Amino acid sequence: MRIKRNKAAHDGYDPATDSKNLRQMDIVVDYGKQQFIIELKRWDGKSRNQKAYEQLCGYLKSKGVDIGYLLTFDFREEGNKVRKAEWIDVDGKRIFDVIV
């Protein structure tokens, strides 16, 4: 879903899907001249997390943005959960990777 400021509405926002290249991004926030692209995932293991990085990098490239955010939800039992919040570099893009 893309959140876009509705200039016609009084203090409102319009949700709209992103149709460029028929790709859908989870969250795109336009704030001033900046775009924040946020990918949301459910923890399914390290290999699936690597695919999420690749997917997010593709979105960043399509929008001409160098920084993105990956928020992964880990719903496993407490003793098996992974927690982290760190910056990583993937394919020339900077990603803030958070697992909660």
C-alpha atoms as a PDB file:
ATOM      1  CA  MET A   1       0.000   0.000   0.000  1.00  0.00           C
ATOM      2  CA  ARG A   2       1.202   3.489  -0.751  1.00  0.00           C
ATOM      3  CA  ILE A   3       0.199   6.384   1.457  1.00  0.00           C
ATOM      4  CA  LYS A   4      -0.044   9.602  -0.499  1.00  0.00           C
ATOM      5  CA  ARG A   5      -0.988  13.014   0.766  1.00  0.00           C
ATOM      6  CA  ASN A   6      -4.343  14.074  -0.594  1.00  0.00           C
ATOM      7  CA  LYS A   7      -3.952  17.801  -1.203  1.00  0.00           C
ATOM      8  CA  ALA A   8      -7.686  18.160  -1.894  1.00  0.00           C
ATOM      9  CA  ALA A   9      -8.703  16.597   1.421  1.00  0.00           C
ATOM     10  CA  HIS A  10      -8.427  18.493   4.655  1.00  0.00           C
ATOM     11  CA  ASP A  11      -5.544  16.863   6.585  1.00  0.00           C
ATOM     12  CA  GLY A  12      -6.219  13.485   4.921  1.00  0.00           C
ATOM     13  CA  TYR A  13      -4.242  10.723   3.252  1.00  0.00           C
ATOM     14  CA  ASP A  14      -5.217   8.523   0.337  1.00  0.00           C
ATOM     15  CA  PRO A  15      -4.083   4.915   0.203  1.00  0.00           C
ATOM     16  CA  ALA A  16      -3.138   3.891  -3.324  1.00  0.00           C
ATOM     17  CA  THR A  17      -1.329   0.937  -4.767  1.00  0.00           C
ATOM     18  CA  ASP A  18       1.898   1.413  -6.666  1.00  0.00           C
ATOM     19  CA  SER A  19       1.495   0.202 -10.229  1.00  0.00           C
ATOM     20  CA  LYS A  20       4.904   1.070 -11.684  1.00  0.00           C
ATOM     21  CA  ASN A  21       6.214  -2.067 -13.356  1.00  0.00           C
ATOM     22  CA  LEU A  22       3.208  -3.902 -11.833  1.00  0.00           C
ATOM     23  CA  ARG A  23       5.101  -4.217  -8.538  1.00  0.00           C
ATOM     24  CA  GLN A  24       3.401  -3.765  -5.213  1.00  0.00           C
ATOM     25  CA  MET A  25       5.349  -2.457  -2.275  1.00  0.00           C
ATOM     26  CA  ASP A  26       4.120  -2.944   1.267  1.00  0.00           C
ATOM     27  CA  ILE A  27       4.494   0.650   2.461  1.00  0.00           C
ATOM     28  CA  VAL A  28       5.721   3.734   0.619  1.00  0.00           C
ATOM     29  CA  VAL A  29       5.706   6.999   2.541  1.00  0.00           C
ATOM     30  CA  ASP A  30       6.184  10.237   0.625  1.00  0.00           C
ATOM     31  CA  TYR A  31       7.368  12.935   3.005  1.00  0.00           C
ATOM     32  CA  GLY A  32       8.395  16.179   1.387  1.00  0.00           C
ATOM     33  CA  LYS A  33      10.783  15.199  -1.403  1.00  0.00           C
ATOM     34  CA  GLN A  34      11.786  11.920   0.280  1.00  0.00           C
ATOM     35  CA  GLN A  35      10.373   8.434  -0.191  1.00  0.00           C
ATOM     36  CA  PHE A  36      10.570   5.787   2.508  1.00  0.00           C
ATOM     37  CA  ILE A  37      10.061   2.229   1.263  1.00  0.00           C
ATOM     38  CA  ILE A  38       9.228  -0.333   3.943  1.00  0.00           C
ATOM     39  CA  GLU A  39       8.897  -4.057   3.274  1.00  0.00           C
ATOM     40  CA  LEU A  40       6.994  -6.176   5.822  1.00  0.00           C
ATOM     41  CA  LYS A  41       7.655  -9.905   6.249  1.00  0.00           C
ATOM     42  CA  ARG A  42       6.935 -12.810   8.568  1.00  0.00           C
ATOM     43  CA  TRP A  43      10.031 -14.731   9.710  1.00  0.00           C
ATOM     44  CA  ASP A  44      10.419 -17.919   7.675  1.00  0.00           C
ATOM     45  CA  GLY A  45      14.136 -18.539   8.068  1.00  0.00           C
ATOM     46  CA  LYS A  46      17.378 -16.992   6.842  1.00  0.00           C
ATOM     47  CA  SER A  47      16.968 -18.026   3.204  1.00  0.00           C
ATOM     48  CA  ARG A  48      13.554 -16.333   3.019  1.00  0.00           C
ATOM     49  CA  ASN A  49      15.042 -13.250   4.683  1.00  0.00           C
ATOM     50  CA  GLN A  50      17.704 -13.108   1.944  1.00  0.00           C
ATOM     51  CA  LYS A  51      14.919 -13.144  -0.669  1.00  0.00           C
ATOM     52  CA  ALA A  52      13.274 -10.238   1.173  1.00  0.00           C
ATOM     53  CA  TYR A  53      16.519  -8.236   0.839  1.00  0.00           C
ATOM     54  CA  GLU A  54      16.573  -8.930  -2.902  1.00  0.00           C
ATOM     55  CA  GLN A  55      12.906  -7.977  -3.262  1.00  0.00           C
ATOM     56  CA  LEU A  56      13.393  -4.731  -1.343  1.00  0.00           C
ATOM     57  CA  CYS A  57      16.500  -3.876  -3.390  1.00  0.00           C
ATOM     58  CA  GLY A  58      14.443  -4.326  -6.552  1.00  0.00           C
ATOM     59  CA  TYR A  59      11.827  -1.909  -5.226  1.00  0.00           C
ATOM     60  CA  LEU A  60      14.511   0.607  -4.230  1.00  0.00           C
ATOM     61  CA  LYS A  61      16.088   0.442  -7.690  1.00  0.00           C
ATOM     62  CA  SER A  62      12.713   0.880  -9.416  1.00  0.00           C
ATOM     63  CA  LYS A  63      12.065   4.044  -7.370  1.00  0.00           C
ATOM     64  CA  GLY A  64      15.618   5.417  -7.567  1.00  0.00           C
ATOM     65  CA  VAL A  65      16.011   5.281  -3.781  1.00  0.00           C
ATOM     66  CA  ASP A  66      19.180   4.152  -1.959  1.00  0.00           C
ATOM     67  CA  ILE A  67      17.792   3.474   1.533  1.00  0.00           C
ATOM     68  CA  GLY A  68      14.987   1.106   2.534  1.00  0.00           C
ATOM     69  CA  TYR A  69      13.565  -0.615   5.573  1.00  0.00           C
ATOM     70  CA  LEU A  70      12.764  -4.277   6.217  1.00  0.00           C
ATOM     71  CA  LEU A  71      10.521  -5.047   9.178  1.00  0.00           C
ATOM     72  CA  THR A  72      10.189  -8.776   9.907  1.00  0.00           C
ATOM     73  CA  PHE A  73       7.817 -10.212  12.500  1.00  0.00           C
ATOM     74  CA  ASP A  74       8.993 -13.373  14.287  1.00  0.00           C
ATOM     75  CA  PHE A  75       5.996 -15.202  15.765  1.00  0.00           C
ATOM     76  CA  ARG A  76       7.899 -18.275  16.956  1.00  0.00           C
ATOM     77  CA  GLU A  77       8.125 -19.434  20.573  1.00  0.00           C
ATOM     78  CA  GLU A  78      10.016 -16.964  22.774  1.00  0.00           C
ATOM     79  CA  GLY A  79      13.171 -19.098  23.094  1.00  0.00           C
ATOM     80  CA  ASN A  80      13.514 -19.447  19.310  1.00  0.00           C
ATOM     81  CA  LYS A  81      12.910 -15.840  18.327  1.00  0.00           C
ATOM     82  CA  VAL A  82      15.504 -13.749  16.562  1.00  0.00           C
ATOM     83  CA  ARG A  83      15.732 -10.066  17.485  1.00  0.00           C
ATOM     84  CA  LYS A  84      17.834  -7.483  15.699  1.00  0.00           C
ATOM     85  CA  ALA A  85      17.970  -3.928  14.448  1.00  0.00           C
ATOM     86  CA  GLU A  86      20.926  -3.076  12.223  1.00  0.00           C
ATOM     87  CA  TRP A  87      21.969  -1.361   9.019  1.00  0.00           C
ATOM     88  CA  ILE A  88      23.156  -3.670   6.236  1.00  0.00           C
ATOM     89  CA  ASP A  89      24.397  -3.096   2.692  1.00  0.00           C
ATOM     90  CA  VAL A  90      22.855  -5.216  -0.053  1.00  0.00           C
ATOM     91  CA  ASP A  91      23.580  -4.795  -3.757  1.00  0.00           C
ATOM     92  CA  GLY A  92      24.604  -1.155  -3.353  1.00  0.00           C
ATOM     93  CA  LYS A  93      21.553  -0.283  -1.243  1.00  0.00           C
ATOM     94  CA  ARG A  94      21.389   0.513   2.478  1.00  0.00           C
ATOM     95  CA  ILE A  95      18.701  -1.371   4.425  1.00  0.00           C
ATOM     96  CA  PHE A  96      17.672  -0.936   8.045  1.00  0.00           C
ATOM     97  CA  ASP A  97      16.798  -4.518   8.978  1.00  0.00           C
ATOM     98  CA  VAL A  98      14.584  -5.008  12.028  1.00  0.00           C
ATOM     99  CA  ILE A  99      13.251  -8.307  13.392  1.00  0.00           C
ATOM    100  CA  VAL A 100      10.708  -8.137  16.221  1.00  0.00           C
END
